[in-house]
Amino acid sequence: MDHIHNLLVEDIEGDTLFTRETLGNAKIFTKLNVAEDGKEAMDFLTKAAFYSNAIQPDLLLLEINLAKRNGPRY
């Protein structure tokens, strides 16, 4: 079975751990990548810099109020 690729954009470590645990308990094959701020998330999604080989996520779990890049600005 293929994995569902997820990108979690979250800057609070406890919330990241909670999400990892929840996905693990759901018994769904998932691959979780984490971006800690809006700029890192945009780099991941546009395959910029370090993320040139990143797999586009099937699901994006996004905190609304982020550091460095926030809201719908492009």
PDB file of N, CA and C in Angstrom:
ATOM      1  N   MET A   1       0.848  -1.181   0.000  1.00  0.00           N
ATOM      2  CA  MET A   1       0.000   0.000   0.000  1.00  0.00           C
ATOM      3  C   MET A   1       0.893   1.244   0.000  1.00  0.00           C
ATOM      4  N   ASP A   2       0.515   2.229  -0.792  1.00  0.00           N
ATOM      5  CA  ASP A   2       1.260   3.484  -0.841  1.00  0.00           C
ATOM      6  C   ASP A   2       0.989   4.312   0.400  1.00  0.00           C
ATOM      7  N   HIS A   3       1.942   5.150   0.720  1.00  0.00           N
ATOM      8  CA  HIS A   3       1.791   6.075   1.836  1.00  0.00           C
ATOM      9  C   HIS A   3       1.031   7.313   1.394  1.00  0.00           C
ATOM     10  N   ILE A   4       0.327   7.927   2.313  1.00  0.00           N
ATOM     11  CA  ILE A   4      -0.263   9.238   2.102  1.00  0.00           C
ATOM     12  C   ILE A   4       0.780  10.233   2.583  1.00  0.00           C
ATOM     13  N   HIS A   5       1.206  11.106   1.698  1.00  0.00           N
ATOM     14  CA  HIS A   5       2.232  12.092   2.044  1.00  0.00           C
ATOM     15  C   HIS A   5       1.555  13.333   2.604  1.00  0.00           C
ATOM     16  N   ASN A   6       1.942  13.695   3.826  1.00  0.00           N
ATOM     17  CA  ASN A   6       1.368  14.848   4.518  1.00  0.00           C
ATOM     18  C   ASN A   6       2.449  15.885   4.783  1.00  0.00           C
ATOM     19  N   LEU A   7       2.056  17.139   4.725  1.00  0.00           N
ATOM     20  CA  LEU A   7       2.936  18.214   5.166  1.00  0.00           C
ATOM     21  C   LEU A   7       2.235  18.915   6.319  1.00  0.00           C
ATOM     22  N   LEU A   8       2.854  18.878   7.471  1.00  0.00           N
ATOM     23  CA  LEU A   8       2.365  19.575   8.652  1.00  0.00           C
ATOM     24  C   LEU A   8       3.155  20.866   8.795  1.00  0.00           C
ATOM     25  N   VAL A   9       2.445  21.983   8.859  1.00  0.00           N
ATOM     26  CA  VAL A   9       3.094  23.276   9.071  1.00  0.00           C
ATOM     27  C   VAL A   9       2.729  23.712  10.480  1.00  0.00           C
ATOM     28  N   GLU A  10       3.674  23.560  11.386  1.00  0.00           N
ATOM     29  CA  GLU A  10       3.411  23.762  12.815  1.00  0.00           C
ATOM     30  C   GLU A  10       4.694  24.185  13.510  1.00  0.00           C
ATOM     31  N   ASP A  11       4.616  25.208  14.340  1.00  0.00           N
ATOM     32  CA  ASP A  11       5.812  25.692  15.033  1.00  0.00           C
ATOM     33  C   ASP A  11       5.848  25.319  16.508  1.00  0.00           C
ATOM     34  N   ILE A  12       4.873  24.587  16.993  1.00  0.00           N
ATOM     35  CA  ILE A  12       4.854  24.163  18.393  1.00  0.00           C
ATOM     36  C   ILE A  12       5.152  22.666  18.447  1.00  0.00           C
ATOM     37  N   GLU A  13       6.273  22.322  19.070  1.00  0.00           N
ATOM     38  CA  GLU A  13       6.739  20.930  19.081  1.00  0.00           C
ATOM     39  C   GLU A  13       5.705  19.969  19.672  1.00  0.00           C
ATOM     40  N   GLY A  14       5.013  20.384  20.723  1.00  0.00           N
ATOM     41  CA  GLY A  14       4.004  19.522  21.341  1.00  0.00           C
ATOM     42  C   GLY A  14       2.873  19.187  20.381  1.00  0.00           C
ATOM     43  N   ASP A  15       2.462  20.154  19.577  1.00  0.00           N
ATOM     44  CA  ASP A  15       1.408  19.911  18.587  1.00  0.00           C
ATOM     45  C   ASP A  15       1.904  18.988  17.477  1.00  0.00           C
ATOM     46  N   THR A  16       3.179  19.118  17.120  1.00  0.00           N
ATOM     47  CA  THR A  16       3.759  18.218  16.123  1.00  0.00           C
ATOM     48  C   THR A  16       3.783  16.790  16.653  1.00  0.00           C
ATOM     49  N   LEU A  17       4.197  16.611  17.891  1.00  0.00           N
ATOM     50  CA  LEU A  17       4.220  15.272  18.493  1.00  0.00           C
ATOM     51  C   LEU A  17       2.817  14.679  18.582  1.00  0.00           C
ATOM     52  N   PHE A  18       1.844  15.509  18.944  1.00  0.00           N
ATOM     53  CA  PHE A  18       0.452  15.054  19.023  1.00  0.00           C
ATOM     54  C   PHE A  18      -0.047  14.591  17.649  1.00  0.00           C
ATOM     55  N   THR A  19       0.291  15.337  16.615  1.00  0.00           N
ATOM     56  CA  THR A  19      -0.139  14.968  15.264  1.00  0.00           C
ATOM     57  C   THR A  19       0.505  13.664  14.828  1.00  0.00           C
ATOM     58  N   ARG A  20       1.806  13.514  15.099  1.00  0.00           N
ATOM     59  CA  ARG A  20       2.498  12.260  14.756  1.00  0.00           C
ATOM     60  C   ARG A  20       1.832  11.070  15.457  1.00  0.00           C
ATOM     61  N   GLU A  21       1.547  11.231  16.745  1.00  0.00           N
ATOM     62  CA  GLU A  21       0.922  10.156  17.518  1.00  0.00           C
ATOM     63  C   GLU A  21      -0.469   9.828  16.983  1.00  0.00           C
ATOM     64  N   THR A  22      -1.235  10.845  16.679  1.00  0.00           N
ATOM     65  CA  THR A  22      -2.590  10.642  16.177  1.00  0.00           C
ATOM     66  C   THR A  22      -2.576   9.916  14.838  1.00  0.00           C
ATOM     67  N   LEU A  23      -1.711  10.338  13.927  1.00  0.00           N
ATOM     68  CA  LEU A  23      -1.624   9.659  12.635  1.00  0.00           C
ATOM     69  C   LEU A  23      -1.143   8.217  12.803  1.00  0.00           C
ATOM     70  N   GLY A  24      -0.226   8.004  13.725  1.00  0.00           N
ATOM     71  CA  GLY A  24       0.252   6.648  13.986  1.00  0.00           C
ATOM     72  C   GLY A  24      -0.833   5.744  14.543  1.00  0.00           C
ATOM     73  N   ASN A  25      -1.667   6.285  15.414  1.00  0.00           N
ATOM     74  CA  ASN A  25      -2.757   5.507  16.000  1.00  0.00           C
ATOM     75  C   ASN A  25      -3.885   5.239  15.012  1.00  0.00           C
ATOM     76  N   ALA A  26      -3.960   6.016  13.953  1.00  0.00           N
ATOM     77  CA  ALA A  26      -5.028   5.862  12.964  1.00  0.00           C
ATOM     78  C   ALA A  26      -4.800   4.645  12.068  1.00  0.00           C
ATOM     79  N   LYS A  27      -3.624   4.061  12.155  1.00  0.00           N
ATOM     80  CA  LYS A  27      -3.273   2.880  11.376  1.00  0.00           C
ATOM     81  C   LYS A  27      -3.444   3.108   9.868  1.00  0.00           C
ATOM     82  N   ILE A  28      -3.091   4.305   9.444  1.00  0.00           N
ATOM     83  CA  ILE A  28      -3.073   4.655   8.032  1.00  0.00           C
ATOM     84  C   ILE A  28      -1.609   4.846   7.663  1.00  0.00           C
ATOM     85  N   PHE A  29      -1.208   4.325   6.530  1.00  0.00           N
ATOM     86  CA  PHE A  29       0.184   4.463   6.104  1.00  0.00           C
ATOM     87  C   PHE A  29       0.427   5.910   5.693  1.00  0.00           C
ATOM     88  N   THR A  30       1.170   6.619   6.526  1.00  0.00           N
ATOM     89  CA  THR A  30       1.433   8.033   6.242  1.00  0.00           C
ATOM     90  C   THR A  30       2.913   8.332   6.317  1.00  0.00           C
ATOM     91  N   LYS A  31       3.309   9.324   5.577  1.00  0.00           N
ATOM     92  CA  LYS A  31       4.647   9.907   5.656  1.00  0.00           C
ATOM     93  C   LYS A  31       4.419  11.357   6.031  1.00  0.00           C
ATOM     94  N   LEU A  32       4.968  11.784   7.153  1.00  0.00           N
ATOM     95  CA  LEU A  32       4.743  13.134   7.641  1.00  0.00           C
ATOM     96  C   LEU A  32       6.019  13.956   7.529  1.00  0.00           C
ATOM     97  N   ASN A  33       5.941  15.032   6.765  1.00  0.00           N
ATOM     98  CA  ASN A  33       7.003  16.027   6.715  1.00  0.00           C
ATOM     99  C   ASN A  33       6.521  17.220   7.520  1.00  0.00           C
ATOM    100  N   VAL A  34       7.449  17.919   8.164  1.00  0.00           N
ATOM    101  CA  VAL A  34       7.081  19.047   9.016  1.00  0.00           C
ATOM    102  C   VAL A  34       7.857  20.287   8.586  1.00  0.00           C
ATOM    103  N   ALA A  35       7.134  21.376   8.415  1.00  0.00           N
ATOM    104  CA  ALA A  35       7.732  22.696   8.214  1.00  0.00           C
ATOM    105  C   ALA A  35       7.390  23.517   9.443  1.00  0.00           C
ATOM    106  N   GLU A  36       8.356  24.255   9.964  1.00  0.00           N
ATOM    107  CA  GLU A  36       8.141  24.969  11.224  1.00  0.00           C
ATOM    108  C   GLU A  36       7.671  26.411  11.056  1.00  0.00           C
ATOM    109  N   ASP A  37       7.649  26.905   9.824  1.00  0.00           N
ATOM    110  CA  ASP A  37       7.135  28.259   9.599  1.00  0.00           C
ATOM    111  C   ASP A  37       6.647  28.365   8.157  1.00  0.00           C
ATOM    112  N   GLY A  38       6.033  29.485   7.850  1.00  0.00           N
ATOM    113  CA  GLY A  38       5.445  29.674   6.539  1.00  0.00           C
ATOM    114  C   GLY A  38       6.453  29.681   5.409  1.00  0.00           C
ATOM    115  N   LYS A  39       7.623  30.265   5.634  1.00  0.00           N
ATOM    116  CA  LYS A  39       8.648  30.290   4.589  1.00  0.00           C
ATOM    117  C   LYS A  39       9.126  28.882   4.270  1.00  0.00           C
ATOM    118  N   GLU A  40       9.360  28.096   5.297  1.00  0.00           N
ATOM    119  CA  GLU A  40       9.799  26.713   5.081  1.00  0.00           C
ATOM    120  C   GLU A  40       8.722  25.923   4.337  1.00  0.00           C
ATOM    121  N   ALA A  41       7.462  26.146   4.656  1.00  0.00           N
ATOM    122  CA  ALA A  41       6.361  25.466   3.969  1.00  0.00           C
ATOM    123  C   ALA A  41       6.329  25.847   2.492  1.00  0.00           C
ATOM    124  N   MET A  42       6.497  27.133   2.195  1.00  0.00           N
ATOM    125  CA  MET A  42       6.497  27.575   0.795  1.00  0.00           C
ATOM    126  C   MET A  42       7.699  27.003   0.047  1.00  0.00           C
ATOM    127  N   ASP A  43       8.856  26.924   0.710  1.00  0.00           N
ATOM    128  CA  ASP A  43      10.032  26.315   0.081  1.00  0.00           C
ATOM    129  C   ASP A  43       9.760  24.844  -0.233  1.00  0.00           C
ATOM    130  N   PHE A  44       9.121  24.143   0.693  1.00  0.00           N
ATOM    131  CA  PHE A  44       8.794  22.731   0.487  1.00  0.00           C
ATOM    132  C   PHE A  44       7.849  22.576  -0.698  1.00  0.00           C
ATOM    133  N   LEU A  45       6.779  23.373  -0.720  1.00  0.00           N
ATOM    134  CA  LEU A  45       5.758  23.242  -1.761  1.00  0.00           C
ATOM    135  C   LEU A  45       6.251  23.662  -3.142  1.00  0.00           C
ATOM    136  N   THR A  46       7.188  24.601  -3.189  1.00  0.00           N
ATOM    137  CA  THR A  46       7.726  25.048  -4.480  1.00  0.00           C
ATOM    138  C   THR A  46       9.036  24.359  -4.828  1.00  0.00           C
ATOM    139  N   LYS A  47       9.455  23.440  -3.976  1.00  0.00           N
ATOM    140  CA  LYS A  47      10.687  22.661  -4.160  1.00  0.00           C
ATOM    141  C   LYS A  47      11.923  23.553  -4.261  1.00  0.00           C
ATOM    142  N   ALA A  48      11.953  24.576  -3.446  1.00  0.00           N
ATOM    143  CA  ALA A  48      13.075  25.516  -3.432  1.00  0.00           C
ATOM    144  C   ALA A  48      14.159  25.036  -2.469  1.00  0.00           C
ATOM    145  N   ALA A  49      15.371  25.443  -2.748  1.00  0.00           N
ATOM    146  CA  ALA A  49      16.529  25.221  -1.880  1.00  0.00           C
ATOM    147  C   ALA A  49      16.662  23.761  -1.471  1.00  0.00           C
ATOM    148  N   PHE A  50      16.657  23.509  -0.195  1.00  0.00           N
ATOM    149  CA  PHE A  50      16.867  22.181   0.387  1.00  0.00           C
ATOM    150  C   PHE A  50      15.810  21.173  -0.058  1.00  0.00           C
ATOM    151  N   TYR A  51      14.648  21.630  -0.478  1.00  0.00           N
ATOM    152  CA  TYR A  51      13.515  20.750  -0.776  1.00  0.00           C
ATOM    153  C   TYR A  51      13.355  20.435  -2.257  1.00  0.00           C
ATOM    154  N   SER A  52      14.402  20.508  -3.028  1.00  0.00           N
ATOM    155  CA  SER A  52      14.296  20.294  -4.476  1.00  0.00           C
ATOM    156  C   SER A  52      13.775  18.907  -4.840  1.00  0.00           C
ATOM    157  N   ASN A  53      13.947  17.921  -3.975  1.00  0.00           N
ATOM    158  CA  ASN A  53      13.474  16.563  -4.244  1.00  0.00           C
ATOM    159  C   ASN A  53      12.243  16.188  -3.421  1.00  0.00           C
ATOM    160  N   ALA A  54      11.602  17.161  -2.825  1.00  0.00           N
ATOM    161  CA  ALA A  54      10.445  16.885  -1.971  1.00  0.00           C
ATOM    162  C   ALA A  54       9.275  16.335  -2.788  1.00  0.00           C
ATOM    163  N   ILE A  55       8.564  15.400  -2.198  1.00  0.00           N
ATOM    164  CA  ILE A  55       7.361  14.853  -2.827  1.00  0.00           C
ATOM    165  C   ILE A  55       6.194  15.754  -2.463  1.00  0.00           C
ATOM    166  N   GLN A  56       5.412  16.161  -3.464  1.00  0.00           N
ATOM    167  CA  GLN A  56       4.252  17.005  -3.195  1.00  0.00           C
ATOM    168  C   GLN A  56       3.294  16.266  -2.258  1.00  0.00           C
ATOM    169  N   PRO A  57       2.822  16.938  -1.219  1.00  0.00           N
ATOM    170  CA  PRO A  57       1.950  16.268  -0.251  1.00  0.00           C
ATOM    171  C   PRO A  57       0.548  16.022  -0.801  1.00  0.00           C
ATOM    172  N   ASP A  58      -0.057  14.942  -0.315  1.00  0.00           N
ATOM    173  CA  ASP A  58      -1.457  14.657  -0.614  1.00  0.00           C
ATOM    174  C   ASP A  58      -2.365  15.473   0.295  1.00  0.00           C
ATOM    175  N   LEU A  59      -1.850  15.784   1.480  1.00  0.00           N
ATOM    176  CA  LEU A  59      -2.625  16.499   2.490  1.00  0.00           C
ATOM    177  C   LEU A  59      -1.737  17.538   3.161  1.00  0.00           C
ATOM    178  N   LEU A  60      -2.270  18.742   3.326  1.00  0.00           N
ATOM    179  CA  LEU A  60      -1.553  19.825   3.992  1.00  0.00           C
ATOM    180  C   LEU A  60      -2.297  20.155   5.282  1.00  0.00           C
ATOM    181  N   LEU A  61      -1.607  20.004   6.417  1.00  0.00           N
ATOM    182  CA  LEU A  61      -2.153  20.362   7.725  1.00  0.00           C
ATOM    183  C   LEU A  61      -1.474  21.662   8.122  1.00  0.00           C
ATOM    184  N   LEU A  62      -2.241  22.741   8.145  1.00  0.00           N
ATOM    185  CA  LEU A  62      -1.662  24.062   8.230  1.00  0.00           C
ATOM    186  C   LEU A  62      -2.157  24.840   9.434  1.00  0.00           C
ATOM    187  N   GLU A  63      -1.212  25.305  10.243  1.00  0.00           N
ATOM    188  CA  GLU A  63      -1.537  26.249  11.302  1.00  0.00           C
ATOM    189  C   GLU A  63      -1.779  27.601  10.632  1.00  0.00           C
ATOM    190  N   ILE A  64      -2.787  28.311  11.055  1.00  0.00           N
ATOM    191  CA  ILE A  64      -3.152  29.564  10.402  1.00  0.00           C
ATOM    192  C   ILE A  64      -2.195  30.708  10.756  1.00  0.00           C
ATOM    193  N   ASN A  65      -1.789  30.814  11.998  1.00  0.00           N
ATOM    194  CA  ASN A  65      -0.952  31.926  12.456  1.00  0.00           C
ATOM    195  C   ASN A  65       0.498  31.467  12.534  1.00  0.00           C
ATOM    196  N   LEU A  66       1.274  31.751  11.484  1.00  0.00           N
ATOM    197  CA  LEU A  66       2.640  31.255  11.394  1.00  0.00           C
ATOM    198  C   LEU A  66       3.677  32.362  11.469  1.00  0.00           C
ATOM    199  N   ALA A  67       4.860  31.972  11.899  1.00  0.00           N
ATOM    200  CA  ALA A  67       5.999  32.894  11.886  1.00  0.00           C
ATOM    201  C   ALA A  67       6.546  33.006  10.468  1.00  0.00           C
ATOM    202  N   LYS A  68       7.160  34.125  10.158  1.00  0.00           N
ATOM    203  CA  LYS A  68       7.866  34.419   8.913  1.00  0.00           C
ATOM    204  C   LYS A  68       6.965  34.596   7.700  1.00  0.00           C
ATOM    205  N   ARG A  69       5.898  33.858   7.606  1.00  0.00           N
ATOM    206  CA  ARG A  69       4.969  34.013   6.474  1.00  0.00           C
ATOM    207  C   ARG A  69       3.608  33.570   6.965  1.00  0.00           C
ATOM    208  N   ASN A  70       2.632  34.430   6.852  1.00  0.00           N
ATOM    209  CA  ASN A  70       1.335  34.178   7.465  1.00  0.00           C
ATOM    210  C   ASN A  70       0.234  34.604   6.499  1.00  0.00           C
ATOM    211  N   GLY A  71      -0.860  33.884   6.521  1.00  0.00           N
ATOM    212  CA  GLY A  71      -2.028  34.289   5.760  1.00  0.00           C
ATOM    213  C   GLY A  71      -1.908  34.044   4.272  1.00  0.00           C
ATOM    214  N   PRO A  72      -2.814  34.628   3.487  1.00  0.00           N
ATOM    215  CA  PRO A  72      -2.912  34.314   2.057  1.00  0.00           C
ATOM    216  C   PRO A  72      -1.989  35.129   1.155  1.00  0.00           C
ATOM    217  N   ARG A  73      -1.025  35.862   1.697  1.00  0.00           N
ATOM    218  CA  ARG A  73      -0.129  36.650   0.855  1.00  0.00           C
ATOM    219  C   ARG A  73       0.795  35.749   0.053  1.00  0.00           C
ATOM    220  N   TYR A  74       1.099  36.125  -1.173  1.00  0.00           N
ATOM    221  CA  TYR A  74       1.977  35.310  -2.036  1.00  0.00           C
ATOM    222  C   TYR A  74       3.284  35.979  -2.291  1.00  0.00           C
TER     223      TYR A  74
END
